[in-house]
Each structure stands twice: as structure tokens, then as C-alpha cells.
Amino acid sequence: MSATGEPTGTVEVAMRHAETLLAKRPQLAVEQAQEILKAVPNHAPAAFLLARATARIGRGDEAIAALRRTVKLQPDHPEAWRLLGDHLVATGDAEGADAAYLRHVKASTRNPELLRAASAMVNKDLEPLKITPEDGTTKPVEPGSEEPETASPSKEN
């Protein structure tokens, strides 16, 4: 224990320190995250921190590798999937980005309607959907059919 009663040398302390370095000294955050991963190779938060720090210093390929490591260690990490999608877009990998964004949505929500919409987007199945106000669900609009008209309030004279 330190004089302040805070444990020294723990992964949690190292992670907090690395997080504070990220904004102003990202290269040091990279080094800190790498040291944490040497001690605890399967630490998903450290891999995610490494990804964010390497991205911040312009090392996109290393950021992608760290993001892939993060989602391998923690498959339901929505922010890692989103950032991976962003980086893959930047490299021109639209197909990989679409898959990463779909995984982001899956990890972010368990709402089946949102999952269906995200899947349709990724699969380029972009048939028009209408929202049913009664229950908030979406239903395909049949080709050639018209959207139901909304009832307008009657005007009294």
C-alpha cells in the first residue's frame, strides 16, 4: 500500500494511469498498455486502450490489430466493434466495416427489430420499412402499395 492507502502495482492502477495518459501523452499510454498486456495477455480493457492509443498517434494498422484482439477477448464489446468498423472504413474495407458495425449493433442492443434492421443494412436488403405506431415494430412495405394514410383530425365548422 502507498501512503495514501491505494494499492500499488495492480492492473487497475496501471489502467487508470494509462487512461490519464491517453489524452495528452498517447505514446506513453501505448507503452503502459503494452506493459499491462505483457503481464496479463488476455486483458481486453488493456487491448482496447492500446487500440485507442495507437490510433491517436496515427498507427492505424496497429490499432486495427489491437481492436481485433479486443473483440476476440471480449466479443460483446460494442465500442471496440464500432471503432474497428471506423478503422476498416478508413482502409477501404467496406465489407469488413459492415460486419463490424453489425456486431456493434448486436453487442449494443438485444432489440430484435434493431437487429433485423442492422442485418438488412449489412446484407443490402434495404426494402422500405414502415413503423407500426401501435407497437413500434417495422413491417415491409409491399411494392406498389401505398403507405397507409394517417387520419387527419376532423375540422368542425
N, C-alpha and C. Protein backbone atom coordinates (compact mmCIF):
# COMPACT_ATOMS: atom_id res chain seq x y z
N MET A 1 0.85 -1.18 0.00
CA MET A 1 0.00 0.00 0.00
C MET A 1 0.89 1.24 0.00
N SER A 2 0.40 2.27 -0.67
CA SER A 2 1.11 3.53 -0.68
C SER A 2 0.69 4.34 0.54
N ALA A 3 1.30 5.50 0.71
CA ALA A 3 0.97 6.37 1.85
C ALA A 3 -0.49 6.80 1.81
N THR A 4 -1.09 6.82 0.63
CA THR A 4 -2.50 7.24 0.52
C THR A 4 -3.46 6.07 0.72
N GLY A 5 -2.92 4.87 0.95
CA GLY A 5 -3.77 3.72 1.15
C GLY A 5 -4.19 3.04 -0.15
N GLU A 6 -3.71 3.53 -1.27
CA GLU A 6 -4.06 2.95 -2.57
C GLU A 6 -3.05 1.85 -2.90
N PRO A 7 -3.53 0.69 -3.35
CA PRO A 7 -2.60 -0.38 -3.70
C PRO A 7 -1.73 0.04 -4.88
N THR A 8 -0.49 -0.35 -4.83
CA THR A 8 0.43 -0.04 -5.93
C THR A 8 0.69 -1.31 -6.73
N GLY A 9 0.97 -1.13 -8.00
CA GLY A 9 1.34 -2.25 -8.83
C GLY A 9 0.19 -3.10 -9.31
N THR A 10 -1.05 -2.69 -9.14
CA THR A 10 -2.17 -3.50 -9.62
C THR A 10 -2.50 -3.12 -11.06
N VAL A 11 -3.17 -4.03 -11.74
CA VAL A 11 -3.59 -3.77 -13.11
C VAL A 11 -4.55 -2.58 -13.14
N GLU A 12 -5.43 -2.50 -12.15
CA GLU A 12 -6.39 -1.40 -12.10
C GLU A 12 -5.69 -0.05 -12.00
N VAL A 13 -4.66 0.03 -11.17
CA VAL A 13 -3.91 1.28 -11.04
C VAL A 13 -3.20 1.60 -12.36
N ALA A 14 -2.60 0.59 -12.98
CA ALA A 14 -1.91 0.79 -14.26
C ALA A 14 -2.89 1.25 -15.34
N MET A 15 -4.08 0.66 -15.35
CA MET A 15 -5.08 1.06 -16.35
C MET A 15 -5.54 2.50 -16.12
N ARG A 16 -5.78 2.87 -14.87
CA ARG A 16 -6.19 4.26 -14.60
C ARG A 16 -5.10 5.23 -15.04
N HIS A 17 -3.85 4.88 -14.79
CA HIS A 17 -2.74 5.74 -15.20
C HIS A 17 -2.68 5.85 -16.72
N ALA A 18 -2.84 4.73 -17.40
CA ALA A 18 -2.80 4.74 -18.87
C ALA A 18 -3.94 5.56 -19.44
N GLU A 19 -5.12 5.46 -18.84
CA GLU A 19 -6.27 6.26 -19.30
C GLU A 19 -5.98 7.75 -19.17
N THR A 20 -5.31 8.16 -18.10
CA THR A 20 -4.99 9.58 -17.94
C THR A 20 -3.94 10.02 -18.95
N LEU A 21 -3.06 9.13 -19.34
CA LEU A 21 -2.03 9.46 -20.34
C LEU A 21 -2.61 9.59 -21.74
N LEU A 22 -3.70 8.90 -22.00
CA LEU A 22 -4.24 8.80 -23.35
C LEU A 22 -4.50 10.16 -24.00
N ALA A 23 -5.05 11.10 -23.27
CA ALA A 23 -5.42 12.39 -23.86
C ALA A 23 -4.21 13.24 -24.22
N LYS A 24 -3.23 13.29 -23.33
CA LYS A 24 -2.12 14.23 -23.56
C LYS A 24 -0.80 13.58 -23.96
N ARG A 25 -0.65 12.32 -23.63
CA ARG A 25 0.62 11.64 -23.94
C ARG A 25 0.32 10.22 -24.45
N PRO A 26 -0.31 10.14 -25.61
CA PRO A 26 -0.75 8.83 -26.10
C PRO A 26 0.38 7.82 -26.31
N GLN A 27 1.58 8.29 -26.66
CA GLN A 27 2.70 7.35 -26.83
C GLN A 27 2.99 6.64 -25.51
N LEU A 28 2.92 7.38 -24.40
CA LEU A 28 3.13 6.75 -23.10
C LEU A 28 1.98 5.81 -22.75
N ALA A 29 0.78 6.15 -23.18
CA ALA A 29 -0.36 5.25 -22.97
C ALA A 29 -0.15 3.94 -23.73
N VAL A 30 0.43 4.03 -24.94
CA VAL A 30 0.75 2.83 -25.71
C VAL A 30 1.70 1.95 -24.91
N GLU A 31 2.76 2.57 -24.40
CA GLU A 31 3.76 1.82 -23.65
C GLU A 31 3.14 1.19 -22.40
N GLN A 32 2.31 1.94 -21.70
CA GLN A 32 1.67 1.43 -20.48
C GLN A 32 0.76 0.24 -20.83
N ALA A 33 -0.05 0.37 -21.88
CA ALA A 33 -0.94 -0.72 -22.29
C ALA A 33 -0.13 -1.96 -22.69
N GLN A 34 0.97 -1.75 -23.39
CA GLN A 34 1.81 -2.88 -23.78
C GLN A 34 2.38 -3.60 -22.56
N GLU A 35 2.78 -2.84 -21.57
CA GLU A 35 3.30 -3.44 -20.33
C GLU A 35 2.22 -4.23 -19.61
N ILE A 36 1.01 -3.68 -19.57
CA ILE A 36 -0.09 -4.41 -18.94
C ILE A 36 -0.34 -5.72 -19.67
N LEU A 37 -0.32 -5.67 -21.00
CA LEU A 37 -0.57 -6.87 -21.80
C LEU A 37 0.56 -7.89 -21.68
N LYS A 38 1.76 -7.44 -21.38
CA LYS A 38 2.84 -8.40 -21.11
C LYS A 38 2.55 -9.17 -19.84
N ALA A 39 2.03 -8.47 -18.83
CA ALA A 39 1.73 -9.10 -17.55
C ALA A 39 0.44 -9.91 -17.59
N VAL A 40 -0.56 -9.40 -18.33
CA VAL A 40 -1.88 -10.04 -18.41
C VAL A 40 -2.30 -10.07 -19.88
N PRO A 41 -1.82 -11.04 -20.65
CA PRO A 41 -2.04 -11.04 -22.10
C PRO A 41 -3.50 -11.03 -22.54
N ASN A 42 -4.40 -11.56 -21.74
CA ASN A 42 -5.81 -11.65 -22.14
C ASN A 42 -6.66 -10.57 -21.49
N HIS A 43 -6.08 -9.42 -21.23
CA HIS A 43 -6.81 -8.32 -20.58
C HIS A 43 -7.44 -7.44 -21.67
N ALA A 44 -8.73 -7.67 -21.94
CA ALA A 44 -9.43 -6.95 -23.01
C ALA A 44 -9.40 -5.43 -22.83
N PRO A 45 -9.60 -4.90 -21.61
CA PRO A 45 -9.54 -3.44 -21.47
C PRO A 45 -8.18 -2.86 -21.86
N ALA A 46 -7.11 -3.57 -21.57
CA ALA A 46 -5.77 -3.09 -21.96
C ALA A 46 -5.60 -3.14 -23.48
N ALA A 47 -6.12 -4.18 -24.11
CA ALA A 47 -6.05 -4.27 -25.57
C ALA A 47 -6.84 -3.13 -26.21
N PHE A 48 -7.99 -2.81 -25.63
CA PHE A 48 -8.81 -1.71 -26.15
C PHE A 48 -8.10 -0.38 -25.95
N LEU A 49 -7.49 -0.20 -24.82
CA LEU A 49 -6.72 1.03 -24.56
C LEU A 49 -5.55 1.14 -25.54
N LEU A 50 -4.89 0.03 -25.80
CA LEU A 50 -3.80 0.02 -26.78
C LEU A 50 -4.31 0.43 -28.16
N ALA A 51 -5.48 -0.05 -28.54
CA ALA A 51 -6.06 0.31 -29.83
C ALA A 51 -6.32 1.81 -29.90
N ARG A 52 -6.93 2.36 -28.88
CA ARG A 52 -7.24 3.79 -28.88
C ARG A 52 -5.97 4.63 -28.88
N ALA A 53 -4.96 4.20 -28.14
CA ALA A 53 -3.71 4.97 -28.07
C ALA A 53 -2.95 4.90 -29.39
N THR A 54 -2.87 3.72 -30.00
CA THR A 54 -2.15 3.62 -31.28
C THR A 54 -2.88 4.40 -32.36
N ALA A 55 -4.20 4.40 -32.31
CA ALA A 55 -4.97 5.20 -33.28
C ALA A 55 -4.67 6.68 -33.09
N ARG A 56 -4.58 7.10 -31.86
CA ARG A 56 -4.34 8.51 -31.58
C ARG A 56 -2.99 9.00 -32.11
N ILE A 57 -2.02 8.12 -32.18
CA ILE A 57 -0.70 8.53 -32.70
C ILE A 57 -0.54 8.16 -34.17
N GLY A 58 -1.65 7.79 -34.82
CA GLY A 58 -1.64 7.59 -36.26
C GLY A 58 -1.15 6.24 -36.73
N ARG A 59 -1.16 5.24 -35.88
CA ARG A 59 -0.73 3.91 -36.28
C ARG A 59 -1.96 3.02 -36.45
N GLY A 60 -2.68 3.29 -37.55
CA GLY A 60 -3.96 2.65 -37.81
C GLY A 60 -3.91 1.14 -37.92
N ASP A 61 -2.89 0.59 -38.58
CA ASP A 61 -2.80 -0.87 -38.71
C ASP A 61 -2.64 -1.54 -37.35
N GLU A 62 -1.86 -0.90 -36.47
CA GLU A 62 -1.70 -1.44 -35.12
C GLU A 62 -2.98 -1.30 -34.32
N ALA A 63 -3.71 -0.22 -34.56
CA ALA A 63 -4.99 -0.03 -33.88
C ALA A 63 -5.97 -1.12 -34.30
N ILE A 64 -6.00 -1.42 -35.60
CA ILE A 64 -6.89 -2.49 -36.08
C ILE A 64 -6.51 -3.82 -35.44
N ALA A 65 -5.22 -4.12 -35.38
CA ALA A 65 -4.78 -5.38 -34.75
C ALA A 65 -5.21 -5.42 -33.28
N ALA A 66 -5.06 -4.32 -32.58
CA ALA A 66 -5.45 -4.28 -31.16
C ALA A 66 -6.97 -4.38 -31.00
N LEU A 67 -7.71 -3.79 -31.93
CA LEU A 67 -9.17 -3.90 -31.87
C LEU A 67 -9.61 -5.34 -32.15
N ARG A 68 -8.97 -5.99 -33.11
CA ARG A 68 -9.29 -7.40 -33.38
C ARG A 68 -8.98 -8.26 -32.14
N ARG A 69 -7.89 -7.95 -31.49
CA ARG A 69 -7.53 -8.67 -30.25
C ARG A 69 -8.60 -8.43 -29.18
N THR A 70 -9.05 -7.17 -29.07
CA THR A 70 -10.06 -6.84 -28.07
C THR A 70 -11.33 -7.63 -28.29
N VAL A 71 -11.83 -7.65 -29.53
CA VAL A 71 -13.10 -8.34 -29.78
C VAL A 71 -12.94 -9.86 -29.74
N LYS A 72 -11.74 -10.34 -29.94
CA LYS A 72 -11.51 -11.78 -29.77
C LYS A 72 -11.60 -12.12 -28.28
N LEU A 73 -11.04 -11.26 -27.43
CA LEU A 73 -11.06 -11.49 -25.99
C LEU A 73 -12.44 -11.20 -25.38
N GLN A 74 -13.12 -10.21 -25.94
CA GLN A 74 -14.42 -9.79 -25.42
C GLN A 74 -15.37 -9.55 -26.59
N PRO A 75 -15.99 -10.61 -27.11
CA PRO A 75 -16.82 -10.50 -28.32
C PRO A 75 -18.01 -9.55 -28.22
N ASP A 76 -18.47 -9.25 -27.04
CA ASP A 76 -19.63 -8.35 -26.88
C ASP A 76 -19.20 -6.94 -26.48
N HIS A 77 -18.08 -6.47 -26.98
CA HIS A 77 -17.56 -5.13 -26.66
C HIS A 77 -18.03 -4.17 -27.76
N PRO A 78 -19.17 -3.49 -27.56
CA PRO A 78 -19.74 -2.69 -28.66
C PRO A 78 -18.82 -1.58 -29.16
N GLU A 79 -18.16 -0.89 -28.27
CA GLU A 79 -17.32 0.24 -28.70
C GLU A 79 -16.12 -0.25 -29.51
N ALA A 80 -15.57 -1.40 -29.16
CA ALA A 80 -14.45 -1.95 -29.95
C ALA A 80 -14.91 -2.31 -31.35
N TRP A 81 -16.11 -2.89 -31.46
CA TRP A 81 -16.64 -3.21 -32.79
C TRP A 81 -16.87 -1.95 -33.61
N ARG A 82 -17.41 -0.89 -32.97
CA ARG A 82 -17.65 0.35 -33.70
C ARG A 82 -16.35 0.97 -34.19
N LEU A 83 -15.36 1.03 -33.31
CA LEU A 83 -14.07 1.60 -33.72
C LEU A 83 -13.40 0.75 -34.79
N LEU A 84 -13.54 -0.56 -34.69
CA LEU A 84 -12.99 -1.43 -35.73
C LEU A 84 -13.65 -1.10 -37.06
N GLY A 85 -14.97 -0.94 -37.05
CA GLY A 85 -15.67 -0.55 -38.28
C GLY A 85 -15.17 0.77 -38.83
N ASP A 86 -14.97 1.75 -37.95
CA ASP A 86 -14.46 3.06 -38.39
C ASP A 86 -13.09 2.92 -39.05
N HIS A 87 -12.21 2.14 -38.43
CA HIS A 87 -10.87 1.97 -38.98
C HIS A 87 -10.89 1.20 -40.30
N LEU A 88 -11.77 0.21 -40.39
CA LEU A 88 -11.85 -0.56 -41.63
C LEU A 88 -12.40 0.30 -42.77
N VAL A 89 -13.33 1.19 -42.48
CA VAL A 89 -13.80 2.14 -43.50
C VAL A 89 -12.62 2.97 -44.00
N ALA A 90 -11.81 3.43 -43.07
CA ALA A 90 -10.68 4.29 -43.44
C ALA A 90 -9.67 3.56 -44.32
N THR A 91 -9.59 2.23 -44.19
CA THR A 91 -8.66 1.47 -45.03
C THR A 91 -9.30 0.99 -46.33
N GLY A 92 -10.60 1.28 -46.50
CA GLY A 92 -11.29 0.87 -47.73
C GLY A 92 -11.92 -0.51 -47.66
N ASP A 93 -11.94 -1.12 -46.48
CA ASP A 93 -12.53 -2.44 -46.32
C ASP A 93 -14.00 -2.30 -45.93
N ALA A 94 -14.84 -1.97 -46.92
CA ALA A 94 -16.25 -1.73 -46.66
C ALA A 94 -16.96 -2.98 -46.14
N GLU A 95 -16.64 -4.13 -46.69
CA GLU A 95 -17.29 -5.37 -46.26
C GLU A 95 -16.94 -5.68 -44.80
N GLY A 96 -15.67 -5.55 -44.46
CA GLY A 96 -15.26 -5.78 -43.07
C GLY A 96 -15.88 -4.77 -42.13
N ALA A 97 -15.97 -3.52 -42.59
CA ALA A 97 -16.58 -2.47 -41.77
C ALA A 97 -18.05 -2.77 -41.53
N ASP A 98 -18.77 -3.18 -42.57
CA ASP A 98 -20.19 -3.51 -42.41
C ASP A 98 -20.38 -4.62 -41.38
N ALA A 99 -19.54 -5.64 -41.45
CA ALA A 99 -19.64 -6.75 -40.50
C ALA A 99 -19.34 -6.26 -39.08
N ALA A 100 -18.35 -5.40 -38.94
CA ALA A 100 -18.01 -4.87 -37.61
C ALA A 100 -19.14 -4.00 -37.06
N TYR A 101 -19.74 -3.19 -37.92
CA TYR A 101 -20.86 -2.35 -37.47
C TYR A 101 -22.06 -3.21 -37.06
N LEU A 102 -22.31 -4.28 -37.79
CA LEU A 102 -23.39 -5.18 -37.41
C LEU A 102 -23.11 -5.79 -36.03
N ARG A 103 -21.88 -6.21 -35.81
CA ARG A 103 -21.52 -6.76 -34.49
C ARG A 103 -21.65 -5.69 -33.41
N HIS A 104 -21.34 -4.44 -33.76
CA HIS A 104 -21.53 -3.33 -32.81
C HIS A 104 -23.00 -3.24 -32.40
N VAL A 105 -23.89 -3.27 -33.38
CA VAL A 105 -25.32 -3.18 -33.08
C VAL A 105 -25.76 -4.38 -32.25
N LYS A 106 -25.30 -5.57 -32.63
CA LYS A 106 -25.67 -6.77 -31.87
C LYS A 106 -25.20 -6.68 -30.43
N ALA A 107 -24.00 -6.16 -30.23
CA ALA A 107 -23.47 -6.05 -28.87
C ALA A 107 -24.12 -4.91 -28.09
N SER A 108 -24.66 -3.94 -28.81
CA SER A 108 -25.25 -2.76 -28.17
C SER A 108 -26.69 -2.96 -27.74
N THR A 109 -27.39 -3.85 -28.40
CA THR A 109 -28.82 -3.98 -28.14
C THR A 109 -29.25 -5.43 -28.29
N ARG A 110 -30.32 -5.72 -27.65
CA ARG A 110 -30.94 -7.03 -27.84
C ARG A 110 -32.33 -6.86 -28.46
N ASN A 111 -32.63 -5.64 -28.92
CA ASN A 111 -33.92 -5.35 -29.54
C ASN A 111 -33.97 -6.06 -30.89
N PRO A 112 -34.88 -7.02 -31.08
CA PRO A 112 -34.91 -7.77 -32.33
C PRO A 112 -35.21 -6.92 -33.56
N GLU A 113 -35.98 -5.86 -33.42
CA GLU A 113 -36.28 -5.00 -34.57
C GLU A 113 -35.02 -4.25 -35.02
N LEU A 114 -34.24 -3.76 -34.07
CA LEU A 114 -32.99 -3.08 -34.44
C LEU A 114 -32.01 -4.06 -35.07
N LEU A 115 -31.95 -5.25 -34.52
CA LEU A 115 -31.05 -6.26 -35.09
C LEU A 115 -31.45 -6.61 -36.52
N ARG A 116 -32.75 -6.73 -36.77
CA ARG A 116 -33.24 -7.03 -38.12
C ARG A 116 -32.89 -5.91 -39.08
N ALA A 117 -33.07 -4.68 -38.63
CA ALA A 117 -32.75 -3.53 -39.48
C ALA A 117 -31.26 -3.47 -39.78
N ALA A 118 -30.43 -3.72 -38.77
CA ALA A 118 -28.98 -3.70 -38.99
C ALA A 118 -28.56 -4.81 -39.93
N SER A 119 -29.13 -5.97 -39.76
CA SER A 119 -28.82 -7.09 -40.65
C SER A 119 -29.23 -6.76 -42.08
N ALA A 120 -30.38 -6.15 -42.25
CA ALA A 120 -30.85 -5.78 -43.59
C ALA A 120 -29.89 -4.78 -44.23
N MET A 121 -29.39 -3.85 -43.44
CA MET A 121 -28.45 -2.86 -43.97
C MET A 121 -27.18 -3.54 -44.44
N VAL A 122 -26.63 -4.42 -43.62
CA VAL A 122 -25.39 -5.09 -43.97
C VAL A 122 -25.57 -5.98 -45.20
N ASN A 123 -26.71 -6.63 -45.27
CA ASN A 123 -26.98 -7.54 -46.39
C ASN A 123 -27.52 -6.82 -47.61
N LYS A 124 -27.58 -5.51 -47.55
CA LYS A 124 -28.06 -4.67 -48.65
C LYS A 124 -29.51 -5.00 -49.00
N ASP A 125 -30.25 -5.50 -48.02
CA ASP A 125 -31.67 -5.82 -48.18
C ASP A 125 -32.45 -4.62 -47.66
N LEU A 126 -32.41 -3.56 -48.41
CA LEU A 126 -32.93 -2.29 -47.93
C LEU A 126 -34.35 -2.02 -48.39
N GLU A 127 -35.19 -3.03 -48.29
CA GLU A 127 -36.59 -2.80 -48.65
C GLU A 127 -37.17 -1.76 -47.70
N PRO A 128 -38.06 -0.96 -48.22
CA PRO A 128 -38.65 0.07 -47.36
C PRO A 128 -39.39 -0.58 -46.19
N LEU A 129 -39.26 0.01 -45.04
CA LEU A 129 -39.96 -0.45 -43.85
C LEU A 129 -40.90 0.64 -43.38
N LYS A 130 -42.02 0.23 -42.84
CA LYS A 130 -42.90 1.21 -42.21
C LYS A 130 -42.99 0.85 -40.73
N ILE A 131 -43.13 1.84 -39.92
CA ILE A 131 -43.24 1.63 -38.49
C ILE A 131 -44.71 1.60 -38.13
N THR A 132 -45.09 0.58 -37.41
CA THR A 132 -46.46 0.46 -36.95
C THR A 132 -46.56 1.17 -35.61
N PRO A 133 -47.28 2.29 -35.58
CA PRO A 133 -47.30 3.10 -34.36
C PRO A 133 -47.84 2.36 -33.14
N GLU A 134 -48.75 1.41 -33.35
CA GLU A 134 -49.36 0.75 -32.20
C GLU A 134 -48.32 0.03 -31.34
N ASP A 135 -47.39 -0.68 -31.98
CA ASP A 135 -46.43 -1.44 -31.20
C ASP A 135 -44.97 -1.07 -31.50
N GLY A 136 -44.75 -0.14 -32.43
CA GLY A 136 -43.40 0.31 -32.75
C GLY A 136 -42.60 -0.64 -33.60
N THR A 137 -43.21 -1.72 -34.09
CA THR A 137 -42.46 -2.67 -34.91
C THR A 137 -42.39 -2.17 -36.35
N THR A 138 -41.52 -2.78 -37.10
CA THR A 138 -41.40 -2.42 -38.51
C THR A 138 -41.95 -3.56 -39.35
N LYS A 139 -42.52 -3.20 -40.47
CA LYS A 139 -43.07 -4.20 -41.40
C LYS A 139 -42.66 -3.78 -42.81
N PRO A 140 -42.35 -4.76 -43.67
CA PRO A 140 -42.00 -4.40 -45.05
C PRO A 140 -43.18 -3.75 -45.75
N VAL A 141 -42.87 -2.80 -46.59
CA VAL A 141 -43.89 -2.16 -47.43
C VAL A 141 -43.91 -2.95 -48.73
N GLU A 142 -45.08 -3.43 -49.10
CA GLU A 142 -45.21 -4.20 -50.33
C GLU A 142 -44.98 -3.29 -51.53
N PRO A 143 -44.23 -3.76 -52.53
CA PRO A 143 -44.03 -2.95 -53.73
C PRO A 143 -45.36 -2.59 -54.36
N GLY A 144 -45.51 -1.35 -54.74
CA GLY A 144 -46.73 -0.88 -55.38
C GLY A 144 -47.82 -0.50 -54.41
N SER A 145 -47.65 -0.85 -53.14
CA SER A 145 -48.69 -0.47 -52.18
C SER A 145 -48.36 0.92 -51.65
N GLU A 146 -49.35 1.55 -51.16
CA GLU A 146 -49.18 2.90 -50.64
C GLU A 146 -49.08 2.82 -49.13
N GLU A 147 -48.37 3.77 -48.59
CA GLU A 147 -48.32 3.89 -47.14
C GLU A 147 -49.71 4.18 -46.65
N PRO A 148 -50.12 3.62 -45.52
CA PRO A 148 -51.45 3.94 -45.01
C PRO A 148 -51.51 5.42 -44.66
N GLU A 149 -52.64 6.00 -45.02
CA GLU A 149 -52.80 7.42 -44.71
C GLU A 149 -53.07 7.58 -43.23
N THR A 150 -52.49 8.61 -42.70
CA THR A 150 -52.77 8.88 -41.29
C THR A 150 -54.04 9.68 -41.22
N ALA A 151 -54.84 9.36 -40.25
CA ALA A 151 -56.12 10.07 -40.12
C ALA A 151 -55.85 11.49 -39.68
N SER A 152 -56.44 12.41 -40.40
CA SER A 152 -56.26 13.81 -40.02
C SER A 152 -57.43 14.20 -39.12
N PRO A 153 -57.16 15.07 -38.17
CA PRO A 153 -58.24 15.47 -37.30
C PRO A 153 -59.36 16.14 -38.08
N SER A 154 -60.57 15.83 -37.71
CA SER A 154 -61.70 16.44 -38.43
C SER A 154 -61.83 17.90 -38.01
N LYS A 155 -62.22 18.67 -38.98
CA LYS A 155 -62.39 20.11 -38.70
C LYS A 155 -63.88 20.38 -38.49
N GLU A 156 -64.16 21.00 -37.43
CA GLU A 156 -65.54 21.35 -37.15
C GLU A 156 -65.77 22.79 -37.56
N ASN A 157 -66.90 23.02 -38.20
CA ASN A 157 -67.23 24.38 -38.62
C ASN A 157 -68.12 25.04 -37.65
